PDB file of N, CA and C in Angstrom:
ATOM      1  N   MET A   1      11.451  -2.498  -3.301  1.00  0.00           N
ATOM      2  CA  MET A   1      10.886  -1.575  -3.832  1.00  0.00           C
ATOM      3  C   MET A   1      10.709  -2.181  -5.511  1.00  0.00           C
ATOM      4  N   LYS A   2      10.808  -1.938  -6.148  1.00  0.00           N
ATOM      5  CA  LYS A   2      11.150  -2.160  -7.930  1.00  0.00           C
ATOM      6  C   LYS A   2      11.470  -3.154  -8.261  1.00  0.00           C
ATOM      7  N   GLU A   3      11.514  -4.025  -7.901  1.00  0.00           N
ATOM      8  CA  GLU A   3      11.849  -5.815  -8.304  1.00  0.00           C
ATOM      9  C   GLU A   3      10.564  -5.731  -8.108  1.00  0.00           C
ATOM     10  N   PRO A   4       9.739  -6.397  -6.533  1.00  0.00           N
ATOM     11  CA  PRO A   4       9.158  -6.911  -6.641  1.00  0.00           C
ATOM     12  C   PRO A   4       7.620  -6.582  -7.930  1.00  0.00           C
ATOM     13  N   LEU A   5       7.307  -5.140  -7.203  1.00  0.00           N
ATOM     14  CA  LEU A   5       6.732  -4.442  -8.219  1.00  0.00           C
ATOM     15  C   LEU A   5       6.772  -4.711  -9.553  1.00  0.00           C
ATOM     16  N   GLU A   6       8.383  -5.081 -10.033  1.00  0.00           N
ATOM     17  CA  GLU A   6       8.550  -5.685 -12.217  1.00  0.00           C
ATOM     18  C   GLU A   6       8.174  -6.432 -12.305  1.00  0.00           C
ATOM     19  N   GLU A   7       8.246  -7.828 -10.974  1.00  0.00           N
ATOM     20  CA  GLU A   7       7.662  -8.657 -10.819  1.00  0.00           C
ATOM     21  C   GLU A   7       6.290  -8.794 -10.727  1.00  0.00           C
ATOM     22  N   ALA A   8       5.906  -7.785 -10.444  1.00  0.00           N
ATOM     23  CA  ALA A   8       4.614  -8.016 -10.372  1.00  0.00           C
ATOM     24  C   ALA A   8       3.143  -7.316 -11.471  1.00  0.00           C
ATOM     25  N   LYS A   9       4.060  -6.575 -12.359  1.00  0.00           N
ATOM     26  CA  LYS A   9       3.851  -5.728 -13.808  1.00  0.00           C
ATOM     27  C   LYS A   9       3.042  -4.546 -13.243  1.00  0.00           C
ATOM     28  N   ILE A  10       3.655  -4.162 -11.896  1.00  0.00           N
ATOM     29  CA  ILE A  10       3.276  -2.779 -11.607  1.00  0.00           C
ATOM     30  C   ILE A  10       4.225  -2.703 -12.145  1.00  0.00           C
ATOM     31  N   LYS A  11       3.545  -1.079 -12.307  1.00  0.00           N
ATOM     32  CA  LYS A  11       4.577   0.201 -13.162  1.00  0.00           C
ATOM     33  C   LYS A  11       4.381   1.365 -12.002  1.00  0.00           C
ATOM     34  N   TRP A  12       6.459   1.569 -11.402  1.00  0.00           N
ATOM     35  CA  TRP A  12       6.000   2.708 -10.516  1.00  0.00           C
ATOM     36  C   TRP A  12       5.903   3.721 -10.529  1.00  0.00           C
ATOM     37  N   ARG A  13       5.259   4.856  -9.784  1.00  0.00           N
ATOM     38  CA  ARG A  13       4.412   6.656 -10.311  1.00  0.00           C
ATOM     39  C   ARG A  13       5.155   7.048  -9.053  1.00  0.00           C
ATOM     40  N   GLY A  14       5.493   6.738  -8.998  1.00  0.00           N
ATOM     41  CA  GLY A  14       6.162   7.297  -7.354  1.00  0.00           C
ATOM     42  C   GLY A  14       5.788   7.184  -6.211  1.00  0.00           C
ATOM     43  N   TRP A  15       6.361   8.329  -4.993  1.00  0.00           N
ATOM     44  CA  TRP A  15       6.039   7.795  -3.626  1.00  0.00           C
ATOM     45  C   TRP A  15       4.100   8.520  -3.375  1.00  0.00           C
ATOM     46  N   HIS A  16       4.124   9.645  -4.171  1.00  0.00           N
ATOM     47  CA  HIS A  16       2.743  10.090  -3.945  1.00  0.00           C
ATOM     48  C   HIS A  16       2.188   9.374  -4.340  1.00  0.00           C
ATOM     49  N   PRO A  17       1.180   8.947  -4.982  1.00  0.00           N
ATOM     50  CA  PRO A  17       0.848   8.113  -5.007  1.00  0.00           C
ATOM     51  C   PRO A  17       0.768   7.012  -4.349  1.00  0.00           C
ATOM     52  N   PHE A  18       1.885   6.248  -4.454  1.00  0.00           N
ATOM     53  CA  PHE A  18       2.320   4.749  -3.920  1.00  0.00           C
ATOM     54  C   PHE A  18       1.699   5.394  -1.853  1.00  0.00           C
ATOM     55  N   ARG A  19       1.557   6.813  -1.548  1.00  0.00           N
ATOM     56  CA  ARG A  19       0.987   6.558  -0.109  1.00  0.00           C
ATOM     57  C   ARG A  19      -0.406   6.645   0.134  1.00  0.00           C
ATOM     58  N   TYR A  20      -0.973   7.663  -1.092  1.00  0.00           N
ATOM     59  CA  TYR A  20      -2.816   7.359  -2.101  1.00  0.00           C
ATOM     60  C   TYR A  20      -2.703   6.075  -1.019  1.00  0.00           C
ATOM     61  N   ALA A  21      -2.061   5.045  -2.587  1.00  0.00           N
ATOM     62  CA  ALA A  21      -2.495   3.837  -2.397  1.00  0.00           C
ATOM     63  C   ALA A  21      -2.174   2.976  -0.768  1.00  0.00           C
ATOM     64  N   VAL A  22      -1.298   3.074  -0.147  1.00  0.00           N
ATOM     65  CA  VAL A  22      -1.531   2.911   1.153  1.00  0.00           C
ATOM     66  C   VAL A  22      -2.764   3.221   1.524  1.00  0.00           C
ATOM     67  N   GLY A  23      -3.135   4.956   2.026  1.00  0.00           N
ATOM     68  CA  GLY A  23      -3.965   5.196   3.118  1.00  0.00           C
ATOM     69  C   GLY A  23      -4.878   4.389   2.723  1.00  0.00           C
ATOM     70  N   THR A  24      -5.290   4.055   1.132  1.00  0.00           N
ATOM     71  CA  THR A  24      -7.451   3.932   0.377  1.00  0.00           C
ATOM     72  C   THR A  24      -6.498   2.457   0.643  1.00  0.00           C
ATOM     73  N   LEU A  25      -6.056   1.277   0.340  1.00  0.00           N
ATOM     74  CA  LEU A  25      -5.716   0.002   1.126  1.00  0.00           C
ATOM     75  C   LEU A  25      -5.526  -0.038   2.797  1.00  0.00           C
ATOM     76  N   LEU A  26      -5.350   0.469   3.186  1.00  0.00           N
ATOM     77  CA  LEU A  26      -4.989   0.373   4.646  1.00  0.00           C
ATOM     78  C   LEU A  26      -6.778   0.236   5.091  1.00  0.00           C
ATOM     79  N   HIS A  27      -7.138   1.597   4.590  1.00  0.00           N
ATOM     80  CA  HIS A  27      -8.345   1.600   5.163  1.00  0.00           C
ATOM     81  C   HIS A  27      -9.335   1.165   5.147  1.00  0.00           C
ATOM     82  N   SER A  28      -9.360   0.235   3.760  1.00  0.00           N
ATOM     83  CA  SER A  28     -10.167  -0.563   2.792  1.00  0.00           C
ATOM     84  C   SER A  28     -10.130  -2.077   4.038  1.00  0.00           C
ATOM     85  N   LEU A  29      -9.154  -2.473   3.888  1.00  0.00           N
ATOM     86  CA  LEU A  29      -8.314  -3.015   5.223  1.00  0.00           C
ATOM     87  C   LEU A  29      -9.246  -3.223   6.860  1.00  0.00           C
ATOM     88  N   GLY A  30      -9.319  -2.048   7.142  1.00  0.00           N
ATOM     89  CA  GLY A  30     -10.134  -1.587   8.599  1.00  0.00           C
ATOM     90  C   GLY A  30      -9.488  -1.955   9.896  1.00  0.00           C
ATOM     91  N   VAL A  31      -8.587  -0.275   8.920  1.00  0.00           N
ATOM     92  CA  VAL A  31      -7.325  -0.095   9.929  1.00  0.00           C
ATOM     93  C   VAL A  31      -7.717   1.429  10.039  1.00  0.00           C
ATOM     94  N   ASP A  32      -7.551   1.695  11.928  1.00  0.00           N
ATOM     95  CA  ASP A  32      -8.331   2.652  12.849  1.00  0.00           C
ATOM     96  C   ASP A  32      -7.012   4.247  11.456  1.00  0.00           C
ATOM     97  N   SER A  33      -8.716   5.176  11.080  1.00  0.00           N
ATOM     98  CA  SER A  33      -7.628   6.941  10.723  1.00  0.00           C
ATOM     99  C   SER A  33      -6.926   6.367  11.457  1.00  0.00           C
ATOM    100  N   LYS A  34      -6.669   6.929  12.675  1.00  0.00           N
ATOM    101  CA  LYS A  34      -5.316   7.936  13.603  1.00  0.00           C
ATOM    102  C   LYS A  34      -4.157   6.822  13.046  1.00  0.00           C
ATOM    103  N   ILE A  35      -4.146   5.432  12.740  1.00  0.00           N
ATOM    104  CA  ILE A  35      -3.095   4.498  12.513  1.00  0.00           C
ATOM    105  C   ILE A  35      -3.223   5.110  11.392  1.00  0.00           C
ATOM    106  N   ILE A  36      -3.511   5.270  10.563  1.00  0.00           N
ATOM    107  CA  ILE A  36      -3.377   5.890   8.954  1.00  0.00           C
ATOM    108  C   ILE A  36      -2.461   6.720   9.223  1.00  0.00           C
ATOM    109  N   GLN A  37      -3.731   7.698   9.896  1.00  0.00           N
ATOM    110  CA  GLN A  37      -2.831   9.000  10.188  1.00  0.00           C
ATOM    111  C   GLN A  37      -1.676   9.286  10.713  1.00  0.00           C
ATOM    112  N   ALA A  38      -1.258   8.835  11.200  1.00  0.00           N
ATOM    113  CA  ALA A  38       0.584   8.180  11.828  1.00  0.00           C
ATOM    114  C   ALA A  38       1.392   7.295  11.178  1.00  0.00           C
ATOM    115  N   ILE A  39       0.760   6.767  10.425  1.00  0.00           N
ATOM    116  CA  ILE A  39       1.979   5.646   8.823  1.00  0.00           C
ATOM    117  C   ILE A  39       2.144   6.870   8.052  1.00  0.00           C
ATOM    118  N   LEU A  40       1.352   7.617   7.267  1.00  0.00           N
ATOM    119  CA  LEU A  40       1.747   8.596   6.902  1.00  0.00           C
ATOM    120  C   LEU A  40       2.210   9.705   7.413  1.00  0.00           C
ATOM    121  N   ARG A  41       2.503  10.210   8.235  1.00  0.00           N
ATOM    122  CA  ARG A  41       2.877  11.010   8.729  1.00  0.00           C
ATOM    123  C   ARG A  41       2.321  12.076   8.695  1.00  0.00           C
ATOM    124  N   HIS A  42       0.878  12.263   8.677  1.00  0.00           N
ATOM    125  CA  HIS A  42       0.238  13.633   8.949  1.00  0.00           C
ATOM    126  C   HIS A  42      -1.105  13.927  10.066  1.00  0.00           C
ATOM    127  N   ALA A  43      -0.516  15.879   9.976  1.00  0.00           N
ATOM    128  CA  ALA A  43      -0.906  16.328  11.202  1.00  0.00           C
ATOM    129  C   ALA A  43      -1.948  16.037  11.836  1.00  0.00           C
ATOM    130  N   ASN A  44      -2.854  15.684  10.762  1.00  0.00           N
ATOM    131  CA  ASN A  44      -4.734  16.125  10.912  1.00  0.00           C
ATOM    132  C   ASN A  44      -5.402  15.000  10.362  1.00  0.00           C
ATOM    133  N   VAL A  45      -5.989  14.244  10.865  1.00  0.00           N
ATOM    134  CA  VAL A  45      -6.606  13.038  10.572  1.00  0.00           C
ATOM    135  C   VAL A  45      -7.234  13.486   9.664  1.00  0.00           C
ATOM    136  N   SER A  46      -7.824  14.453   9.037  1.00  0.00           N
ATOM    137  CA  SER A  46      -8.533  15.085   8.138  1.00  0.00           C
ATOM    138  C   SER A  46      -7.839  15.167   6.780  1.00  0.00           C
ATOM    139  N   THR A  47      -6.432  15.135   6.571  1.00  0.00           N
ATOM    140  CA  THR A  47      -5.737  15.596   5.717  1.00  0.00           C
ATOM    141  C   THR A  47      -5.368  13.551   4.741  1.00  0.00           C
ATOM    142  N   THR A  48      -5.804  12.743   6.357  1.00  0.00           N
ATOM    143  CA  THR A  48      -5.745  11.233   5.816  1.00  0.00           C
ATOM    144  C   THR A  48      -7.333  11.424   4.957  1.00  0.00           C
ATOM    145  N   LEU A  49      -8.276  11.395   5.794  1.00  0.00           N
ATOM    146  CA  LEU A  49      -9.116  11.314   5.099  1.00  0.00           C
ATOM    147  C   LEU A  49      -9.789  11.750   3.834  1.00  0.00           C
ATOM    148  N   ASN A  50      -9.688  13.365   4.014  1.00  0.00           N
ATOM    149  CA  ASN A  50      -9.964  13.940   2.849  1.00  0.00           C
ATOM    150  C   ASN A  50      -9.540  13.686   1.931  1.00  0.00           C
ATOM    151  N   TYR A  51      -7.803  13.474   1.423  1.00  0.00           N
ATOM    152  CA  TYR A  51      -6.841  13.348   0.347  1.00  0.00           C
ATOM    153  C   TYR A  51      -6.312  12.106   0.042  1.00  0.00           C
ATOM    154  N   TYR A  52      -6.150  10.865   0.978  1.00  0.00           N
ATOM    155  CA  TYR A  52      -5.573  10.091   0.492  1.00  0.00           C
ATOM    156  C   TYR A  52      -6.507   8.392   1.000  1.00  0.00           C
ATOM    157  N   VAL A  53      -7.264   8.887   1.938  1.00  0.00           N
ATOM    158  CA  VAL A  53      -8.544   7.642   1.348  1.00  0.00           C
ATOM    159  C   VAL A  53      -9.035   8.179   0.906  1.00  0.00           C
ATOM    160  N   LYS A  54      -9.134   6.937  -0.528  1.00  0.00           N
ATOM    161  CA  LYS A  54      -9.806   7.173  -1.931  1.00  0.00           C
ATOM    162  C   LYS A  54     -10.646   5.808  -1.783  1.00  0.00           C
ATOM    163  N   PRO A  55     -12.173   6.595  -2.088  1.00  0.00           N
ATOM    164  CA  PRO A  55     -13.485   5.914  -2.111  1.00  0.00           C
ATOM    165  C   PRO A  55     -13.364   4.742  -3.818  1.00  0.00           C
ATOM    166  N   VAL A  56     -13.292   3.232  -2.967  1.00  0.00           N
ATOM    167  CA  VAL A  56     -12.841   2.876  -4.609  1.00  0.00           C
ATOM    168  C   VAL A  56     -14.028   0.982  -4.638  1.00  0.00           C
ATOM    169  N   ALA A  57     -14.245   1.013  -5.564  1.00  0.00           N
ATOM    170  CA  ALA A  57     -15.364  -0.708  -6.039  1.00  0.00           C
ATOM    171  C   ALA A  57     -13.879  -1.687  -5.676  1.00  0.00           C
ATOM    172  N   ALA A  58     -14.880  -2.736  -4.796  1.00  0.00           N
ATOM    173  CA  ALA A  58     -13.840  -3.801  -4.252  1.00  0.00           C
ATOM    174  C   ALA A  58     -13.506  -4.550  -5.397  1.00  0.00           C
ATOM    175  N   GLU A  59     -14.359  -4.260  -5.990  1.00  0.00           N
ATOM    176  CA  GLU A  59     -13.730  -5.542  -7.763  1.00  0.00           C
ATOM    177  C   GLU A  59     -12.328  -4.192  -8.843  1.00  0.00           C
ATOM    178  N   SER A  60     -12.614  -3.393  -8.321  1.00  0.00           N
ATOM    179  CA  SER A  60     -11.811  -2.226  -9.365  1.00  0.00           C
ATOM    180  C   SER A  60     -10.631  -1.971  -8.691  1.00  0.00           C
ATOM    181  N   TYR A  61     -10.268  -1.865  -7.512  1.00  0.00           N
ATOM    182  CA  TYR A  61      -8.952  -1.618  -7.039  1.00  0.00           C
ATOM    183  C   TYR A  61      -7.934  -3.076  -6.515  1.00  0.00           C
ATOM    184  N   GLY A  62      -7.263  -2.507  -7.315  1.00  0.00           N
ATOM    185  CA  GLY A  62      -5.808  -3.665  -7.659  1.00  0.00           C
ATOM    186  C   GLY A  62      -4.941  -3.794  -6.480  1.00  0.00           C
ATOM    187  N   GLY A  63      -4.755  -3.375  -5.366  1.00  0.00           N
ATOM    188  CA  GLY A  63      -4.551  -3.546  -3.876  1.00  0.00           C
ATOM    189  C   GLY A  63      -4.276  -4.397  -4.381  1.00  0.00           C
ATOM    190  N   GLN A  64      -4.883  -5.904  -4.723  1.00  0.00           N
ATOM    191  CA  GLN A  64      -4.293  -7.182  -4.154  1.00  0.00           C
ATOM    192  C   GLN A  64      -3.584  -7.381  -5.077  1.00  0.00           C
ATOM    193  N   LYS A  65      -3.106  -6.797  -6.176  1.00  0.00           N
ATOM    194  CA  LYS A  65      -1.641  -7.376  -6.933  1.00  0.00           C
ATOM    195  C   LYS A  65      -0.781  -6.740  -6.054  1.00  0.00           C
ATOM    196  N   LEU A  66      -0.755  -5.537  -5.738  1.00  0.00           N
ATOM    197  CA  LEU A  66       0.461  -4.468  -5.022  1.00  0.00           C
ATOM    198  C   LEU A  66       0.151  -6.056  -3.217  1.00  0.00           C
ATOM    199  N   GLU A  67      -0.433  -6.451  -3.088  1.00  0.00           N
ATOM    200  CA  GLU A  67       0.003  -7.279  -1.749  1.00  0.00           C
ATOM    201  C   GLU A  67       0.559  -8.483  -1.965  1.00  0.00           C
ATOM    202  N   LYS A  68      -0.170  -9.048  -3.288  1.00  0.00           N
ATOM    203  CA  LYS A  68       1.051 -10.519  -3.714  1.00  0.00           C
ATOM    204  C   LYS A  68       2.444  -9.975  -4.225  1.00  0.00           C
ATOM    205  N   ALA A  69       2.691  -8.521  -4.703  1.00  0.00           N
ATOM    206  CA  ALA A  69       3.772  -8.329  -5.439  1.00  0.00           C
ATOM    207  C   ALA A  69       4.642  -8.595  -3.155  1.00  0.00           C
ATOM    208  N   PHE A  70       4.489  -7.519  -1.977  1.00  0.00           N
ATOM    209  CA  PHE A  70       4.801  -7.866  -1.334  1.00  0.00           C
ATOM    210  C   PHE A  70       5.224  -9.077  -0.421  1.00  0.00           C
ATOM    211  N   LYS A  71       3.818  -9.876  -0.613  1.00  0.00           N
ATOM    212  CA  LYS A  71       4.288 -11.402  -0.021  1.00  0.00           C
ATOM    213  C   LYS A  71       5.586 -12.200  -0.234  1.00  0.00           C
ATOM    214  N   ALA A  72       5.107 -11.972  -1.356  1.00  0.00           N
ATOM    215  CA  ALA A  72       5.914 -13.112  -2.533  1.00  0.00           C
ATOM    216  C   ALA A  72       7.914 -12.131  -2.361  1.00  0.00           C
ATOM    217  N   ALA A  73       7.857 -11.091  -2.090  1.00  0.00           N
ATOM    218  CA  ALA A  73       9.063 -10.385  -2.094  1.00  0.00           C
ATOM    219  C   ALA A  73       9.654 -10.995  -0.634  1.00  0.00           C
ATOM    220  N   SER A  74       8.537 -10.836   0.005  1.00  0.00           N
ATOM    221  CA  SER A  74       8.794 -11.176   1.735  1.00  0.00           C
ATOM    222  C   SER A  74       9.206 -12.535   1.560  1.00  0.00           C
ATOM    223  N   ALA A  75       8.804 -13.574   1.734  1.00  0.00           N
ATOM    224  CA  ALA A  75       9.201 -15.247   1.053  1.00  0.00           C
ATOM    225  C   ALA A  75      10.166 -15.550  -0.116  1.00  0.00           C
ATOM    226  N   GLU A  76      10.620 -14.383  -0.655  1.00  0.00           N
ATOM    227  CA  GLU A  76      11.839 -14.133  -0.659  1.00  0.00           C
ATOM    228  C   GLU A  76      13.203 -14.129  -0.130  1.00  0.00           C
ATOM    229  N   ARG A  77      12.583 -12.994   0.026  1.00  0.00           N
ATOM    230  CA  ARG A  77      13.720 -12.865   1.202  1.00  0.00           C
ATOM    231  C   ARG A  77      14.397 -13.520   2.846  1.00  0.00           C
ATOM    232  N   LYS A  78      13.090 -14.078   3.304  1.00  0.00           N
ATOM    233  CA  LYS A  78      13.364 -15.291   3.993  1.00  0.00           C
ATOM    234  C   LYS A  78      13.954 -16.256   4.171  1.00  0.00           C
ATOM    235  N   LEU A  79      13.575 -16.767   2.905  1.00  0.00           N
ATOM    236  CA  LEU A  79      14.314 -17.971   1.839  1.00  0.00           C
ATOM    237  C   LEU A  79      16.067 -17.181   1.325  1.00  0.00           C
ATOM    238  N   LYS A  80      16.673 -16.155   0.972  1.00  0.00           N
ATOM    239  CA  LYS A  80      17.416 -16.171   0.899  1.00  0.00           C
ATOM    240  C   LYS A  80      17.940 -15.729   2.892  1.00  0.00           C
ATOM    241  N   GLN A  81      17.593 -15.522   3.740  1.00  0.00           N
ATOM    242  CA  GLN A  81      17.831 -15.154   5.674  1.00  0.00           C
ATOM    243  C   GLN A  81      18.512 -16.238   5.416  1.00  0.00           C
ATOM    244  N   ALA A  82      17.629 -17.761   5.352  1.00  0.00           N
ATOM    245  CA  ALA A  82      17.001 -19.019   6.128  1.00  0.00           C
ATOM    246  C   ALA A  82      18.487 -19.510   5.096  1.00  0.00           C
ATOM    247  N   LYS A  83      19.274 -19.101   4.081  1.00  0.00           N
ATOM    248  CA  LYS A  83      20.174 -19.982   3.292  1.00  0.00           C
ATOM    249  C   LYS A  83      21.463 -19.400   3.996  1.00  0.00           C
TER     250      LYS A  83
END
């Protein structure tokens, strides 16, 4: 986790902010609220929507940077496995 983030020059702020980002990113991608609830392991979907999905303007959200970091890490892992 740390290596792709460092390569993308994203400062790691811990698991709790990461969970907020995951909830918000999945919601912005159109993932069903109940699926996000299950991924974040909340007992109630209201917890997910009220606390873990943040309204953001598309142009101000850094999710694209995070997505690129994970795609690059995944591609690198696949290359290593192929060797």
